[in-house]
Amino acid sequence: MVKQEVWTDLRDKVRPEHTAVLVVDVQNDFCAAGGWYAKNNDLRLIQDMVPKLAGFVKEARRHGVLLVVVKTIYSEHVVSPVMREKLMKRGLDALYCLENSWGAELYQLILEPQDVVIVKHRHSAFYGTELESVLRNHGIKTIIVSGVATNVCVESTVRDGFARDYYVVLLSDGTAAVSGRLHEASLENMGKVFATVCSIDEVLALWNVRDEKTGQP
């Protein structure tokens, strides 16, 4: 058996040729005033984060990194009684991110033709989707995970990505939750076990240094 190299350095993990950026659930129902999540949550931390993430997305495209936009879509035939029960306890209904609705549309992000869109019906972007096939087909070894909410769909995706043997990089300032406490606790837990937690600027600095060495614009 050939022993595979273990990457411990962030610069190896985020090389553009084998890295994908996953943007999870940056949609009106989770981020916008008047959306479903705003009914009983303060979304200011999420709304403050999104412009930073949008800037990072543009840079990722410029560096040739695969961008995977993950959208939640729900409807009557995919929402189970188990899901409804948890929502009811939180004072929320199950009518959100409905197909072709305003709530399901992206929040302050614009798709480009080269972007890949993955539709999910549960918290993890891997569960019941074609995400892993997309990543394997593109030779992806590392996923940079971003989006909302840090402690829910982002963390679910991080855990599943790690379990599938991807290097996982988690953006501390490219993710957000409805409270700083939940966000920080999730980052701490994932950083210990499942992911390398770092900032947007740390990743961009490595990409920019690489471009300077290769002479790329």
Protein backbone atom coordinates (compact mmCIF):
# COMPACT_ATOMS: atom_id res chain seq x y z
CA MET A 1 0.00 0.00 0.00
CA VAL A 2 1.28 3.45 -0.95
CA LYS A 3 1.33 5.76 2.06
CA GLN A 4 -0.42 9.02 1.25
CA GLU A 5 1.17 12.33 2.15
CA VAL A 6 -0.42 14.14 5.09
CA TRP A 7 -0.88 17.86 4.57
CA THR A 8 -0.39 19.82 7.78
CA ASP A 9 0.35 23.19 6.19
CA LEU A 10 -2.59 25.38 5.19
CA ARG A 11 -0.83 26.43 1.98
CA ASP A 12 -0.88 22.81 0.79
CA LYS A 13 -4.52 22.31 1.74
CA VAL A 14 -5.85 25.37 -0.12
CA ARG A 15 -3.98 25.09 -3.40
CA PRO A 16 -6.53 26.26 -5.99
CA GLU A 17 -6.15 23.25 -8.26
CA HIS A 18 -7.62 20.88 -5.67
CA THR A 19 -9.79 23.20 -3.58
CA ALA A 20 -13.50 24.02 -3.71
CA VAL A 21 -15.32 26.77 -1.84
CA LEU A 22 -18.72 25.73 -0.48
CA VAL A 23 -21.16 28.57 0.18
CA VAL A 24 -23.94 27.18 2.36
CA ASP A 25 -27.47 28.61 2.62
CA VAL A 26 -26.79 32.27 1.87
CA GLN A 27 -30.46 32.73 0.99
CA ASN A 28 -33.11 35.31 1.79
CA ASP A 29 -35.00 33.11 4.24
CA PHE A 30 -31.85 32.66 6.33
CA CYS A 31 -30.25 36.08 5.93
CA ALA A 32 -32.70 38.83 4.91
CA ALA A 33 -34.97 41.03 6.96
CA GLY A 34 -38.45 39.74 6.30
CA GLY A 35 -37.19 36.20 5.76
CA TRP A 36 -38.19 33.09 7.67
CA TYR A 37 -35.20 33.07 10.04
CA ALA A 38 -35.78 36.73 10.96
CA LYS A 39 -39.16 35.88 12.53
CA ASN A 40 -37.58 35.12 15.89
CA ASN A 41 -33.85 35.75 15.42
CA ASP A 42 -31.54 38.75 15.24
CA LEU A 43 -29.70 38.42 11.92
CA ARG A 44 -27.26 41.29 12.28
CA LEU A 45 -24.21 39.04 12.67
CA ILE A 46 -25.20 37.12 9.56
CA GLN A 47 -25.88 40.27 7.56
CA ASP A 48 -22.55 41.78 8.62
CA MET A 49 -20.72 38.66 7.47
CA VAL A 50 -22.20 38.28 3.98
CA PRO A 51 -20.41 41.22 2.28
CA LYS A 52 -17.06 39.82 3.46
CA LEU A 53 -18.00 36.43 2.06
CA ALA A 54 -19.14 37.96 -1.22
CA GLY A 55 -15.73 39.56 -1.61
CA PHE A 56 -14.02 36.26 -0.88
CA VAL A 57 -16.19 34.51 -3.48
CA LYS A 58 -15.03 36.95 -6.16
CA GLU A 59 -11.40 36.33 -5.24
CA ALA A 60 -11.90 32.57 -5.26
CA ARG A 61 -13.23 32.76 -8.82
CA ARG A 62 -10.31 34.94 -9.85
CA HIS A 63 -7.88 32.35 -8.53
CA GLY A 64 -9.64 29.57 -10.45
CA VAL A 65 -11.11 27.87 -7.39
CA LEU A 66 -14.25 25.81 -7.91
CA LEU A 67 -17.26 27.54 -6.33
CA VAL A 68 -20.13 25.37 -5.13
CA VAL A 69 -23.24 27.25 -4.03
CA VAL A 70 -25.43 25.14 -1.77
CA LYS A 71 -29.11 26.02 -1.54
CA THR A 72 -31.79 24.63 0.75
CA ILE A 73 -35.09 23.89 -0.95
CA TYR A 74 -38.05 22.58 1.04
CA SER A 75 -41.53 21.49 0.10
CA GLU A 76 -44.30 19.38 1.60
CA HIS A 77 -42.92 16.09 0.29
CA VAL A 78 -39.47 16.49 1.87
CA VAL A 79 -40.34 17.98 5.29
CA SER A 80 -40.82 15.15 7.78
CA PRO A 81 -42.78 15.10 11.06
CA VAL A 82 -39.44 14.88 12.88
CA MET A 83 -38.31 18.15 11.29
CA ARG A 84 -41.65 19.82 12.00
CA GLU A 85 -41.47 18.87 15.67
CA LYS A 86 -38.09 20.56 16.17
CA LEU A 87 -39.24 23.67 14.31
CA MET A 88 -42.43 23.89 16.35
CA LYS A 89 -40.43 23.84 19.59
CA ARG A 90 -38.48 26.85 18.31
CA GLY A 91 -41.64 28.72 17.34
CA LEU A 92 -40.97 28.33 13.62
CA ASP A 93 -43.05 26.92 10.79
CA ALA A 94 -41.87 24.62 8.02
CA LEU A 95 -42.81 26.98 5.19
CA TYR A 96 -39.42 28.32 4.15
CA CYS A 97 -37.03 28.11 1.23
CA LEU A 98 -39.87 26.91 -0.93
CA GLU A 99 -38.98 26.19 -4.53
CA ASN A 100 -39.13 29.27 -6.81
CA SER A 101 -39.84 31.54 -3.84
CA TRP A 102 -38.15 34.80 -2.82
CA GLY A 103 -37.00 33.10 0.37
CA ALA A 104 -35.03 30.49 -1.58
CA GLU A 105 -33.18 33.08 -3.68
CA LEU A 106 -29.57 33.93 -2.92
CA TYR A 107 -28.93 36.83 -0.55
CA GLN A 108 -26.48 39.44 -1.92
CA LEU A 109 -24.69 36.85 -4.06
CA ILE A 110 -24.78 36.60 -7.85
CA LEU A 111 -24.09 33.34 -9.62
CA GLU A 112 -21.60 33.11 -12.46
CA PRO A 113 -21.87 30.56 -15.31
CA GLN A 114 -18.95 28.48 -13.98
CA ASP A 115 -20.46 28.09 -10.49
CA VAL A 116 -21.97 24.77 -9.45
CA VAL A 117 -25.32 24.82 -7.63
CA ILE A 118 -26.23 22.00 -5.25
CA VAL A 119 -29.76 21.67 -3.86
CA LYS A 120 -30.17 20.03 -0.47
CA HIS A 121 -33.18 19.07 1.63
CA ARG A 122 -31.44 18.49 4.97
CA HIS A 123 -28.81 20.28 7.01
CA SER A 124 -25.71 18.72 5.46
CA ALA A 125 -24.75 19.64 1.90
CA PHE A 126 -23.63 16.02 1.43
CA TYR A 127 -26.81 14.26 2.52
CA GLY A 128 -28.85 13.03 -0.44
CA THR A 129 -27.11 15.34 -2.95
CA GLU A 130 -24.66 15.01 -5.84
CA LEU A 131 -22.04 17.11 -4.04
CA GLU A 132 -19.53 14.32 -3.53
CA SER A 133 -19.72 13.29 -7.20
CA VAL A 134 -19.04 16.91 -8.22
CA LEU A 135 -16.05 17.16 -5.90
CA ARG A 136 -14.58 13.84 -7.01
CA ASN A 137 -15.03 14.70 -10.68
CA HIS A 138 -13.07 17.92 -10.17
CA GLY A 139 -10.28 16.22 -8.22
CA ILE A 140 -11.06 18.15 -5.06
CA LYS A 141 -9.11 17.31 -1.92
CA THR A 142 -10.01 20.32 0.23
CA ILE A 143 -13.30 22.09 0.87
CA ILE A 144 -13.39 25.62 2.24
CA VAL A 145 -16.75 25.88 3.99
CA SER A 146 -18.59 29.17 4.44
CA GLY A 147 -22.13 30.45 4.93
CA VAL A 148 -24.86 30.07 7.56
CA ALA A 149 -25.58 29.05 10.16
CA THR A 150 -22.21 28.13 11.67
CA ASN A 151 -23.68 25.80 14.28
CA VAL A 152 -26.31 24.16 12.05
CA CYS A 153 -25.91 23.60 8.30
CA VAL A 154 -22.28 24.71 8.16
CA GLU A 155 -21.27 22.39 10.99
CA SER A 156 -23.29 19.51 9.56
CA THR A 157 -21.50 19.94 6.23
CA VAL A 158 -18.08 20.19 7.88
CA ARG A 159 -18.61 16.99 9.83
CA ASP A 160 -19.77 15.08 6.76
CA GLY A 161 -16.92 16.43 4.64
CA PHE A 162 -14.37 15.31 7.22
CA ALA A 163 -16.01 11.88 7.44
CA ARG A 164 -15.57 11.59 3.66
CA ASP A 165 -11.84 12.30 3.96
CA TYR A 166 -11.73 15.84 2.63
CA TYR A 167 -9.45 18.36 4.23
CA VAL A 168 -11.87 20.91 5.65
CA VAL A 169 -11.02 24.60 6.03
CA LEU A 170 -13.59 26.68 7.88
CA LEU A 171 -13.73 30.45 7.48
CA SER A 172 -14.16 32.08 10.89
CA ASP A 173 -15.31 35.38 9.36
CA GLY A 174 -17.01 33.82 6.33
CA THR A 175 -19.56 32.06 8.51
CA ALA A 176 -22.08 33.36 11.03
CA ALA A 177 -24.85 32.35 13.40
CA VAL A 178 -27.63 34.22 15.17
CA SER A 179 -25.43 34.69 18.24
CA GLY A 180 -21.73 35.12 18.81
CA ARG A 181 -21.84 32.46 21.52
CA LEU A 182 -23.18 29.78 19.17
CA HIS A 183 -20.77 30.82 16.43
CA GLU A 184 -17.68 30.73 18.64
CA ALA A 185 -18.63 27.45 20.34
CA SER A 186 -19.12 25.79 16.96
CA LEU A 187 -15.82 27.12 15.63
CA GLU A 188 -13.99 25.86 18.71
CA ASN A 189 -15.49 22.39 18.46
CA MET A 190 -14.93 22.02 14.73
CA GLY A 191 -11.40 23.39 14.97
CA LYS A 192 -10.45 20.75 17.53
CA VAL A 193 -11.79 17.76 15.63
CA PHE A 194 -12.98 18.35 12.06
CA ALA A 195 -11.46 21.42 10.40
CA THR A 196 -8.72 24.00 10.12
CA VAL A 197 -10.31 27.26 11.26
CA CYS A 198 -8.86 30.41 9.72
CA SER A 199 -9.82 33.82 8.39
CA ILE A 200 -10.61 34.95 4.87
CA ASP A 201 -7.44 37.04 4.81
CA GLU A 202 -5.26 34.06 5.70
CA VAL A 203 -6.51 32.10 2.71
CA LEU A 204 -6.28 35.05 0.32
CA ALA A 205 -2.73 35.80 1.44
CA LEU A 206 -1.66 32.28 0.49
CA TRP A 207 -3.37 32.50 -2.89
CA ASN A 208 -1.80 35.90 -3.60
CA VAL A 209 1.70 34.70 -2.67
CA ARG A 210 1.21 31.75 -5.01
CA ASP A 211 0.26 34.10 -7.85
CA GLU A 212 3.35 36.24 -7.22
CA LYS A 213 5.56 33.15 -7.46
CA THR A 214 3.93 31.89 -10.65
CA GLY A 215 3.60 35.33 -12.23
CA GLN A 216 -0.16 35.04 -12.61
CA PRO A 217 -2.26 38.26 -12.63
